[in-house]
Amino acid sequence: MMTMKEKMLLHTERLNLVPLSAIHYETTRVYSTDPENTKMMCFLPCDSDEEVMDYLRKCDIQWSMEKPEYLDAAIILNGTHIGAVSIEFLENRSVGELGWIINRNFWGNGYAAEAASAFMIYIQKLFGLSHYIAHADEENSASLRVMEKIGMKPVKTYSGRKNRGSDEIRNECLYELTLGLD
């Protein structure tokens, strides 16, 4: 029987999504250790090459589980790994928290929204999950646009966000979306 990892291959108009794993180490390292690429993110930049590889190994394990805690998909454009889209299963698997990162050399082309939309639909079909949330730094206008492009609506803004690359306490925006059932 094929595992979820072996079965997962999504195609959009411009992108392919495949399970993020250790084979994506070099390209993941480029965007996940870049302070400019990650300045508005809570869990990045990675501090070391070992941290990058450790995370990718954990992603590999999650793809082999029947009920993963989270899943990350590599975003592939014309054969090049340009970023990732993720889902973390929350609240007894009734809510999925979306996240994304795109290598800054590919910013501004709509790739995050295209990948996030496709991944949500895939997750809905695979797990029956229809309620999604996402968080972003209040000043991360690019991520706020992604959330709006994929149909998410703002729920609230609150203080207390700590981005890893900064000591400043920031404001965070919460968005949500419930997909209709087919």
Protein backbone atom coordinates (compact mmCIF):
# COMPACT_ATOMS: atom_id res chain seq x y z
CA MET A 1 0.00 0.00 0.00
CA MET A 2 1.30 3.46 -0.91
CA THR A 3 1.99 5.92 1.90
CA MET A 4 0.57 9.43 1.95
CA LYS A 5 4.02 10.73 1.00
CA GLU A 6 4.19 8.47 -2.05
CA LYS A 7 0.70 9.51 -3.17
CA MET A 8 1.04 13.27 -2.64
CA LEU A 9 1.69 15.22 -5.80
CA LEU A 10 -0.33 18.33 -6.52
CA HIS A 11 -0.28 20.35 -9.70
CA THR A 12 -1.55 23.90 -10.06
CA GLU A 13 -1.42 26.08 -13.13
CA ARG A 14 2.24 26.95 -12.49
CA LEU A 15 3.40 24.86 -9.53
CA ASN A 16 3.94 21.35 -8.27
CA LEU A 17 3.62 20.56 -4.57
CA VAL A 18 5.46 17.55 -3.18
CA PRO A 19 6.24 16.45 0.39
CA LEU A 20 8.98 18.63 1.89
CA SER A 21 11.82 16.37 2.97
CA ALA A 22 15.58 16.08 3.39
CA ILE A 23 16.05 16.03 -0.40
CA HIS A 24 15.16 19.76 -0.30
CA TYR A 25 17.93 20.60 2.16
CA GLU A 26 20.04 22.99 0.05
CA THR A 27 17.14 25.08 -1.23
CA THR A 28 15.36 25.11 2.16
CA ARG A 29 18.59 26.25 3.82
CA VAL A 30 18.79 29.22 1.45
CA TYR A 31 15.41 30.71 2.35
CA SER A 32 15.11 29.52 5.96
CA THR A 33 18.43 30.97 7.16
CA ASP A 34 18.11 34.30 5.32
CA PRO A 35 17.29 37.05 7.87
CA GLU A 36 15.68 39.24 5.19
CA ASN A 37 13.53 36.38 3.93
CA THR A 38 12.35 35.48 7.44
CA LYS A 39 12.24 38.80 9.34
CA MET A 40 8.45 38.63 9.88
CA MET A 41 8.36 34.98 11.01
CA CYS A 42 8.02 33.51 14.52
CA PHE A 43 10.08 30.34 14.05
CA LEU A 44 12.67 31.45 11.50
CA PRO A 45 15.45 32.16 10.62
CA CYS A 46 17.08 28.85 11.39
CA ASP A 47 20.24 29.29 13.42
CA SER A 48 22.24 26.48 11.83
CA ASP A 49 22.40 23.98 9.01
CA GLU A 50 21.69 21.27 11.60
CA GLU A 51 18.43 22.98 12.56
CA VAL A 52 17.35 23.00 8.91
CA MET A 53 18.15 19.31 8.44
CA ASP A 54 16.51 18.35 11.74
CA TYR A 55 13.29 20.04 10.67
CA LEU A 56 13.33 18.37 7.25
CA ARG A 57 13.80 14.96 8.87
CA LYS A 58 10.79 15.67 11.10
CA CYS A 59 8.79 16.63 8.01
CA ASP A 60 9.69 13.28 6.46
CA ILE A 61 8.40 11.46 9.54
CA GLN A 62 5.13 13.42 9.57
CA TRP A 63 4.42 12.43 5.96
CA SER A 64 4.70 8.75 6.96
CA MET A 65 2.16 9.03 9.82
CA GLU A 66 -1.51 8.14 9.50
CA LYS A 67 -2.48 11.17 11.61
CA PRO A 68 0.33 13.70 11.29
CA GLU A 69 0.62 16.74 13.57
CA TYR A 70 1.59 18.89 10.59
CA LEU A 71 2.49 18.57 6.92
CA ASP A 72 4.82 20.68 4.82
CA ALA A 73 4.86 20.65 1.02
CA ALA A 74 7.71 21.92 -1.12
CA ILE A 75 6.62 24.42 -3.76
CA ILE A 76 8.26 23.59 -7.09
CA LEU A 77 8.33 26.04 -10.02
CA ASN A 78 9.72 24.70 -13.31
CA GLY A 79 11.75 22.10 -11.41
CA THR A 80 13.10 24.58 -8.83
CA HIS A 81 12.17 24.41 -5.15
CA ILE A 82 11.12 27.99 -4.29
CA GLY A 83 9.40 27.63 -0.92
CA ALA A 84 6.97 25.67 1.20
CA VAL A 85 3.37 25.63 2.36
CA SER A 86 2.36 24.00 5.63
CA ILE A 87 -0.62 22.91 7.67
CA GLU A 88 -0.61 22.27 11.41
CA PHE A 89 -3.57 20.32 12.76
CA LEU A 90 -5.10 22.03 15.82
CA GLU A 91 -8.07 21.67 18.18
CA ASN A 92 -8.42 17.91 17.94
CA ARG A 93 -7.81 18.07 14.17
CA SER A 94 -10.82 20.34 13.58
CA VAL A 95 -8.75 23.38 12.52
CA GLY A 96 -5.76 23.67 10.22
CA GLU A 97 -3.27 26.48 10.60
CA LEU A 98 -1.72 27.42 7.28
CA GLY A 99 1.74 28.82 6.77
CA TRP A 100 4.01 29.54 3.83
CA ILE A 101 7.43 30.79 2.92
CA ILE A 102 8.76 31.75 -0.49
CA ASN A 103 12.40 32.37 -1.36
CA ARG A 104 12.59 36.17 -1.68
CA ASN A 105 13.92 35.87 -5.24
CA PHE A 106 10.40 34.69 -6.17
CA TRP A 107 8.30 37.14 -4.10
CA GLY A 108 5.44 39.06 -5.68
CA ASN A 109 4.26 36.46 -8.19
CA GLY A 110 1.29 34.94 -6.35
CA TYR A 111 3.01 31.61 -5.70
CA ALA A 112 2.17 31.49 -1.97
CA ALA A 113 -1.56 32.03 -2.60
CA GLU A 114 -1.61 29.49 -5.43
CA ALA A 115 0.14 26.87 -3.30
CA ALA A 116 -1.91 27.56 -0.16
CA SER A 117 -5.21 27.29 -2.04
CA ALA A 118 -4.24 23.98 -3.61
CA PHE A 119 -2.92 22.60 -0.33
CA MET A 120 -6.11 23.51 1.56
CA ILE A 121 -8.23 21.67 -1.00
CA TYR A 122 -5.90 18.66 -0.85
CA ILE A 123 -6.07 18.59 2.97
CA GLN A 124 -9.85 18.96 2.89
CA LYS A 125 -10.17 15.96 0.55
CA LEU A 126 -7.64 13.85 2.46
CA PHE A 127 -8.75 14.61 6.04
CA GLY A 128 -12.17 16.27 5.68
CA LEU A 129 -10.79 19.45 7.22
CA SER A 130 -12.65 22.60 6.16
CA HIS A 131 -11.77 25.23 8.82
CA TYR A 132 -8.46 27.06 8.35
CA ILE A 133 -6.66 29.86 10.15
CA ALA A 134 -3.45 31.79 9.50
CA HIS A 135 -1.44 34.33 11.46
CA ALA A 136 0.85 37.09 10.24
CA ASP A 137 2.76 40.02 11.62
CA GLU A 138 0.55 43.10 11.27
CA GLU A 139 3.20 44.73 9.05
CA ASN A 140 3.64 41.69 6.78
CA SER A 141 1.50 43.10 4.00
CA ALA A 142 2.51 40.32 1.59
CA SER A 143 1.18 37.56 3.87
CA LEU A 144 -1.94 39.56 4.65
CA ARG A 145 -2.57 39.81 0.88
CA VAL A 146 -2.06 36.05 0.52
CA MET A 147 -4.68 35.41 3.20
CA GLU A 148 -7.15 37.71 1.49
CA LYS A 149 -6.42 36.23 -1.96
CA ILE A 150 -7.24 32.72 -0.74
CA GLY A 151 -10.53 33.92 0.74
CA MET A 152 -9.59 34.29 4.39
CA LYS A 153 -11.21 37.02 6.47
CA PRO A 154 -9.64 38.98 9.33
CA VAL A 155 -10.81 37.90 12.79
CA LYS A 156 -8.70 39.97 15.16
CA THR A 157 -5.42 41.76 15.75
CA TYR A 158 -3.64 41.50 19.07
CA SER A 159 -0.29 42.18 20.69
CA GLY A 160 2.24 39.62 21.87
CA ARG A 161 3.83 38.35 18.66
CA LYS A 162 7.56 37.68 18.90
CA ASN A 163 9.36 37.21 15.60
CA ARG A 164 12.50 35.11 16.02
CA GLY A 165 14.77 37.61 14.27
CA SER A 166 13.78 40.52 16.54
CA ASP A 167 13.48 41.35 20.23
CA GLU A 168 10.47 43.57 19.59
CA ILE A 169 6.95 42.52 20.66
CA ARG A 170 4.67 43.02 17.67
CA ASN A 171 1.01 42.90 16.69
CA GLU A 172 -0.36 39.77 15.04
CA CYS A 173 -3.35 39.38 12.71
CA LEU A 174 -5.52 36.27 12.76
CA TYR A 175 -7.48 35.31 9.63
CA GLU A 176 -9.81 32.38 9.02
CA LEU A 177 -11.74 30.57 6.32
CA THR A 178 -14.22 27.72 6.23
CA LEU A 179 -14.31 25.91 2.91
CA GLY A 180 -17.65 24.71 1.55
CA LEU A 181 -18.23 21.02 1.20
CA ASP A 182 -18.25 19.53 -2.29
